[in-house]
Amino acid sequence: MAPKTFGQTMGQARVDRARLAATTEADIERQAREDGTDGITDLSRVYPAPGTLRRHLKLTQPAMADLIGVPLGTWRNWEQGRVSLDPAVQTLLRIMWREFKAFRRTMAAA
């Protein structure tokens, strides 16, 4: 059995939620530069994982697939990472995460 690493207990990662909540956008950008990933400092291009978004909205997989108009199998493939997300889907997820009420109004009007 591999030794435990910092922040893990029996394969489960622990999250310091207070520290996470206190992290500012400037902290995130600084950490990205330090990690050498500063090519992604434009946080407007970051999108939530499909499963994270669905759970955040408290929807089931069938309800989420129906809401955005895709087959359930497509949504499941996105959630499980079997299929990479098209840039349009990434944008849709970002909009839903940031402006869900506006998204819902738009979909209801369509």
C-alpha atoms as a PDB file:
ATOM      1  CA  MET A   1       0.000   0.000   0.000  1.00  0.00           C
ATOM      2  CA  ALA A   2       1.341   3.418  -0.946  1.00  0.00           C
ATOM      3  CA  PRO A   3       2.047   5.832   1.889  1.00  0.00           C
ATOM      4  CA  LYS A   4      -0.510   8.518   2.547  1.00  0.00           C
ATOM      5  CA  THR A   5       0.230  11.900   1.073  1.00  0.00           C
ATOM      6  CA  PHE A   6      -0.502  15.249   2.644  1.00  0.00           C
ATOM      7  CA  GLY A   7      -4.206  16.020   2.597  1.00  0.00           C
ATOM      8  CA  GLN A   8      -5.347  12.460   1.970  1.00  0.00           C
ATOM      9  CA  THR A   9      -6.948   9.889   4.201  1.00  0.00           C
ATOM     10  CA  MET A  10      -7.537   6.408   2.818  1.00  0.00           C
ATOM     11  CA  GLY A  11      -7.729   7.649  -0.769  1.00  0.00           C
ATOM     12  CA  GLN A  12     -10.080  10.530   0.014  1.00  0.00           C
ATOM     13  CA  ALA A  13      -8.823  14.069  -0.530  1.00  0.00           C
ATOM     14  CA  ARG A  14      -9.579  16.494   2.298  1.00  0.00           C
ATOM     15  CA  VAL A  15     -10.586  20.033   1.403  1.00  0.00           C
ATOM     16  CA  ASP A  16      -9.995  22.979   3.718  1.00  0.00           C
ATOM     17  CA  ARG A  17     -13.222  24.777   2.841  1.00  0.00           C
ATOM     18  CA  ALA A  18     -12.427  27.910   4.896  1.00  0.00           C
ATOM     19  CA  ARG A  19      -9.100  28.304   3.096  1.00  0.00           C
ATOM     20  CA  LEU A  20     -10.774  27.656  -0.246  1.00  0.00           C
ATOM     21  CA  ALA A  21     -13.441  30.287   0.409  1.00  0.00           C
ATOM     22  CA  ALA A  22     -10.751  32.813   1.427  1.00  0.00           C
ATOM     23  CA  THR A  23      -8.808  32.345  -1.828  1.00  0.00           C
ATOM     24  CA  THR A  24      -9.033  35.414  -4.059  1.00  0.00           C
ATOM     25  CA  GLU A  25      -8.818  35.624  -7.851  1.00  0.00           C
ATOM     26  CA  ALA A  26      -5.374  37.238  -7.391  1.00  0.00           C
ATOM     27  CA  ASP A  27      -4.288  34.239  -5.277  1.00  0.00           C
ATOM     28  CA  ILE A  28      -5.433  31.841  -7.995  1.00  0.00           C
ATOM     29  CA  GLU A  29      -3.576  33.736 -10.719  1.00  0.00           C
ATOM     30  CA  ARG A  30      -0.415  33.932  -8.575  1.00  0.00           C
ATOM     31  CA  GLN A  31      -0.583  30.194  -7.849  1.00  0.00           C
ATOM     32  CA  ALA A  32      -1.072  29.448 -11.552  1.00  0.00           C
ATOM     33  CA  ARG A  33       2.052  31.465 -12.393  1.00  0.00           C
ATOM     34  CA  GLU A  34       4.006  29.666  -9.664  1.00  0.00           C
ATOM     35  CA  ASP A  35       2.806  26.301 -10.979  1.00  0.00           C
ATOM     36  CA  GLY A  36       3.859  27.242 -14.486  1.00  0.00           C
ATOM     37  CA  THR A  37       0.294  27.135 -15.743  1.00  0.00           C
ATOM     38  CA  ASP A  38      -0.091  30.842 -16.285  1.00  0.00           C
ATOM     39  CA  GLY A  39      -1.307  30.177 -19.811  1.00  0.00           C
ATOM     40  CA  ILE A  40      -4.706  29.788 -18.150  1.00  0.00           C
ATOM     41  CA  THR A  41      -4.798  32.991 -16.136  1.00  0.00           C
ATOM     42  CA  ASP A  42      -7.812  34.222 -18.107  1.00  0.00           C
ATOM     43  CA  LEU A  43     -10.369  32.764 -15.728  1.00  0.00           C
ATOM     44  CA  SER A  44     -13.218  33.804 -18.017  1.00  0.00           C
ATOM     45  CA  ARG A  45     -12.282  30.781 -20.164  1.00  0.00           C
ATOM     46  CA  VAL A  46     -12.478  28.290 -17.300  1.00  0.00           C
ATOM     47  CA  TYR A  47     -15.624  26.175 -17.146  1.00  0.00           C
ATOM     48  CA  PRO A  48     -17.017  23.818 -14.495  1.00  0.00           C
ATOM     49  CA  ALA A  49     -16.902  20.075 -14.920  1.00  0.00           C
ATOM     50  CA  PRO A  50     -20.281  18.797 -16.119  1.00  0.00           C
ATOM     51  CA  GLY A  51     -20.886  16.719 -12.993  1.00  0.00           C
ATOM     52  CA  THR A  52     -19.891  19.579 -10.723  1.00  0.00           C
ATOM     53  CA  LEU A  53     -22.330  21.912 -12.458  1.00  0.00           C
ATOM     54  CA  ARG A  54     -25.159  19.371 -12.342  1.00  0.00           C
ATOM     55  CA  ARG A  55     -24.676  18.706  -8.632  1.00  0.00           C
ATOM     56  CA  HIS A  56     -24.396  22.458  -7.948  1.00  0.00           C
ATOM     57  CA  LEU A  57     -27.758  22.965  -9.657  1.00  0.00           C
ATOM     58  CA  LYS A  58     -29.188  19.964  -7.773  1.00  0.00           C
ATOM     59  CA  LEU A  59     -30.360  18.260 -10.966  1.00  0.00           C
ATOM     60  CA  THR A  60     -30.386  14.624 -11.992  1.00  0.00           C
ATOM     61  CA  GLN A  61     -28.566  13.503 -15.127  1.00  0.00           C
ATOM     62  CA  PRO A  62     -31.844  13.061 -17.061  1.00  0.00           C
ATOM     63  CA  ALA A  63     -33.081  16.500 -15.944  1.00  0.00           C
ATOM     64  CA  MET A  64     -29.812  18.166 -16.953  1.00  0.00           C
ATOM     65  CA  ALA A  65     -29.734  16.455 -20.346  1.00  0.00           C
ATOM     66  CA  ASP A  66     -33.348  17.482 -20.959  1.00  0.00           C
ATOM     67  CA  LEU A  67     -32.664  21.062 -19.848  1.00  0.00           C
ATOM     68  CA  ILE A  68     -29.893  21.598 -22.393  1.00  0.00           C
ATOM     69  CA  GLY A  69     -31.452  19.435 -25.092  1.00  0.00           C
ATOM     70  CA  VAL A  70     -28.944  16.613 -25.445  1.00  0.00           C
ATOM     71  CA  PRO A  71     -29.427  12.852 -25.205  1.00  0.00           C
ATOM     72  CA  LEU A  72     -28.883  11.414 -21.733  1.00  0.00           C
ATOM     73  CA  GLY A  73     -26.012   9.291 -23.061  1.00  0.00           C
ATOM     74  CA  THR A  74     -24.239  12.407 -24.320  1.00  0.00           C
ATOM     75  CA  TRP A  75     -24.509  14.077 -20.916  1.00  0.00           C
ATOM     76  CA  ARG A  76     -23.230  10.932 -19.192  1.00  0.00           C
ATOM     77  CA  ASN A  77     -20.279  10.748 -21.603  1.00  0.00           C
ATOM     78  CA  TRP A  78     -19.407  14.360 -20.800  1.00  0.00           C
ATOM     79  CA  GLU A  79     -19.697  13.760 -17.058  1.00  0.00           C
ATOM     80  CA  GLN A  80     -17.587  10.629 -17.165  1.00  0.00           C
ATOM     81  CA  GLY A  81     -14.942  12.237 -19.367  1.00  0.00           C
ATOM     82  CA  ARG A  82     -15.369   9.748 -22.210  1.00  0.00           C
ATOM     83  CA  VAL A  83     -15.795  12.577 -24.701  1.00  0.00           C
ATOM     84  CA  SER A  84     -13.930  15.881 -24.716  1.00  0.00           C
ATOM     85  CA  LEU A  85     -16.129  18.934 -24.561  1.00  0.00           C
ATOM     86  CA  ASP A  86     -16.624  21.058 -27.646  1.00  0.00           C
ATOM     87  CA  PRO A  87     -15.819  24.772 -27.082  1.00  0.00           C
ATOM     88  CA  ALA A  88     -19.516  25.608 -27.460  1.00  0.00           C
ATOM     89  CA  VAL A  89     -20.387  23.173 -24.674  1.00  0.00           C
ATOM     90  CA  GLN A  90     -17.646  24.666 -22.487  1.00  0.00           C
ATOM     91  CA  THR A  91     -19.189  28.101 -23.041  1.00  0.00           C
ATOM     92  CA  LEU A  92     -22.669  26.785 -22.253  1.00  0.00           C
ATOM     93  CA  LEU A  93     -21.445  25.279 -18.970  1.00  0.00           C
ATOM     94  CA  ARG A  94     -19.718  28.541 -18.056  1.00  0.00           C
ATOM     95  CA  ILE A  95     -22.921  30.523 -18.738  1.00  0.00           C
ATOM     96  CA  MET A  96     -25.027  28.083 -16.744  1.00  0.00           C
ATOM     97  CA  TRP A  97     -22.590  28.272 -13.805  1.00  0.00           C
ATOM     98  CA  ARG A  98     -22.469  32.060 -13.725  1.00  0.00           C
ATOM     99  CA  GLU A  99     -25.953  33.093 -14.900  1.00  0.00           C
ATOM    100  CA  PHE A 100     -28.294  30.165 -14.398  1.00  0.00           C
ATOM    101  CA  LYS A 101     -31.431  32.274 -13.952  1.00  0.00           C
ATOM    102  CA  ALA A 102     -30.773  34.093 -17.231  1.00  0.00           C
ATOM    103  CA  PHE A 103     -30.065  30.754 -18.937  1.00  0.00           C
ATOM    104  CA  ARG A 104     -33.353  29.328 -17.645  1.00  0.00           C
ATOM    105  CA  ARG A 105     -35.299  32.391 -18.826  1.00  0.00           C
ATOM    106  CA  THR A 106     -33.705  32.118 -22.251  1.00  0.00           C
ATOM    107  CA  MET A 107     -34.495  28.412 -22.542  1.00  0.00           C
ATOM    108  CA  ALA A 108     -38.098  28.980 -21.419  1.00  0.00           C
ATOM    109  CA  ALA A 109     -38.563  31.651 -24.090  1.00  0.00           C
ATOM    110  CA  ALA A 110     -37.236  29.432 -26.870  1.00  0.00           C
END
